[in-house]
Protein backbone atom coordinates (compact mmCIF):
# COMPACT_ATOMS: atom_id res chain seq x y z
CA MET A 1 7.57 -8.93 -12.58
CA LYS A 2 8.39 -9.01 -16.21
CA HIS A 3 5.60 -11.40 -17.33
CA GLY A 4 3.10 -10.53 -14.61
CA TRP A 5 0.23 -9.78 -16.93
CA VAL A 6 0.59 -13.27 -18.59
CA THR A 7 0.42 -14.88 -15.07
CA ARG A 8 -2.54 -12.77 -14.26
CA LEU A 9 -4.26 -13.51 -17.37
CA SER A 10 -3.60 -17.31 -17.16
CA LEU A 11 -4.88 -17.22 -13.58
CA ALA A 12 -8.02 -15.27 -14.63
CA ALA A 13 -8.63 -17.86 -17.37
CA LEU A 14 -8.25 -20.68 -14.93
CA VAL A 15 -10.58 -19.20 -12.35
CA ALA A 16 -13.21 -18.69 -15.19
CA LEU A 17 -12.90 -22.30 -16.33
CA ILE A 18 -13.19 -23.60 -12.83
CA ALA A 19 -16.20 -21.30 -11.97
CA GLY A 20 -17.98 -22.34 -15.23
CA SER A 21 -17.35 -26.09 -14.46
CA ALA A 22 -18.50 -25.77 -10.79
CA SER A 23 -21.70 -23.90 -11.78
CA ARG A 24 -22.48 -26.46 -14.36
CA LEU A 25 -21.91 -29.32 -11.68
CA CYS A 26 -24.01 -27.55 -9.22
CA ALA A 27 -26.87 -27.00 -11.68
CA GLN A 28 -26.74 -30.80 -12.42
CA VAL A 29 -26.65 -31.83 -8.79
CA GLN A 30 -29.58 -29.49 -8.05
CA SER A 31 -31.66 -30.50 -10.92
CA GLY A 32 -31.26 -34.28 -9.89
CA GLY A 33 -28.96 -35.00 -12.76
CA PHE A 34 -26.92 -37.54 -10.85
CA SER A 35 -28.05 -40.69 -9.62
CA PRO A 36 -26.83 -41.78 -6.14
CA THR A 37 -24.38 -44.20 -7.73
CA GLU A 38 -23.05 -41.53 -10.16
CA LEU A 39 -22.77 -38.94 -7.27
CA ARG A 40 -20.82 -41.47 -5.04
CA ALA A 41 -18.54 -42.29 -8.01
CA LEU A 42 -17.92 -38.47 -8.51
CA VAL A 43 -17.12 -37.83 -4.78
CA GLU A 44 -14.72 -40.94 -4.76
CA ARG A 45 -12.94 -39.67 -7.92
CA VAL A 46 -12.61 -36.28 -6.47
CA ALA A 47 -11.10 -37.66 -3.17
CA ALA A 48 -8.73 -39.98 -5.18
CA ASN A 49 -7.52 -36.88 -7.22
CA GLN A 50 -7.06 -34.82 -4.11
CA HIS A 51 -4.97 -37.63 -2.53
CA ARG A 52 -2.90 -37.93 -5.76
CA ASP A 53 -2.33 -34.19 -5.89
CA ASP A 54 -1.30 -34.15 -1.95
CA ASP A 55 1.20 -36.88 -2.71
CA THR A 56 2.70 -35.00 -5.71
CA LEU A 57 2.82 -31.90 -3.67
CA GLU A 58 4.77 -33.70 -1.01
CA GLN A 59 7.41 -34.64 -3.69
CA TYR A 60 7.63 -31.28 -5.50
CA GLU A 61 7.22 -28.78 -2.76
CA ARG A 62 10.54 -29.89 -1.13
CA ILE A 63 12.70 -29.81 -4.17
CA GLU A 64 14.65 -26.52 -4.64
CA ARG A 65 16.74 -25.42 -7.52
CA ARG A 66 18.90 -22.40 -7.66
CA THR A 67 20.55 -21.41 -11.07
CA ILE A 68 22.92 -18.48 -11.02
CA ARG A 69 24.25 -16.85 -14.15
CA GLN A 70 27.14 -14.43 -14.45
CA SER A 71 25.03 -12.20 -16.82
CA ALA A 72 22.04 -12.37 -19.11
CA GLN A 73 24.42 -13.16 -22.14
CA HIS A 74 25.88 -16.25 -20.69
CA LYS A 75 23.75 -19.29 -21.62
CA THR A 76 25.79 -21.54 -19.24
CA PRO A 77 24.92 -21.21 -15.46
CA ALA A 78 27.77 -20.42 -13.25
CA GLU A 79 26.07 -22.34 -10.52
CA ASP A 80 23.30 -24.91 -10.67
CA LYS A 81 22.12 -26.51 -7.47
CA THR A 82 19.17 -28.81 -6.79
CA TRP A 83 18.40 -30.15 -3.32
CA ARG A 84 15.63 -31.34 -1.13
């Protein structure tokens, strides 16, 4: 993979960000930082975001695009197909 290190670095940064956010959230929950109303609102927001992500995935995971170029020097693709 030509840019594999960029992908790995981006993934590592994302994991670190998520881990940091999760640890802060867990600490706040354990210390009693959320009221029952706040906790319920947080859970509802998480569930709504998950449903939205699932709906978006349904749309985008079925779209395929294939672009074929004659060579790296040609800017215009010889074939460009998009289908579901």
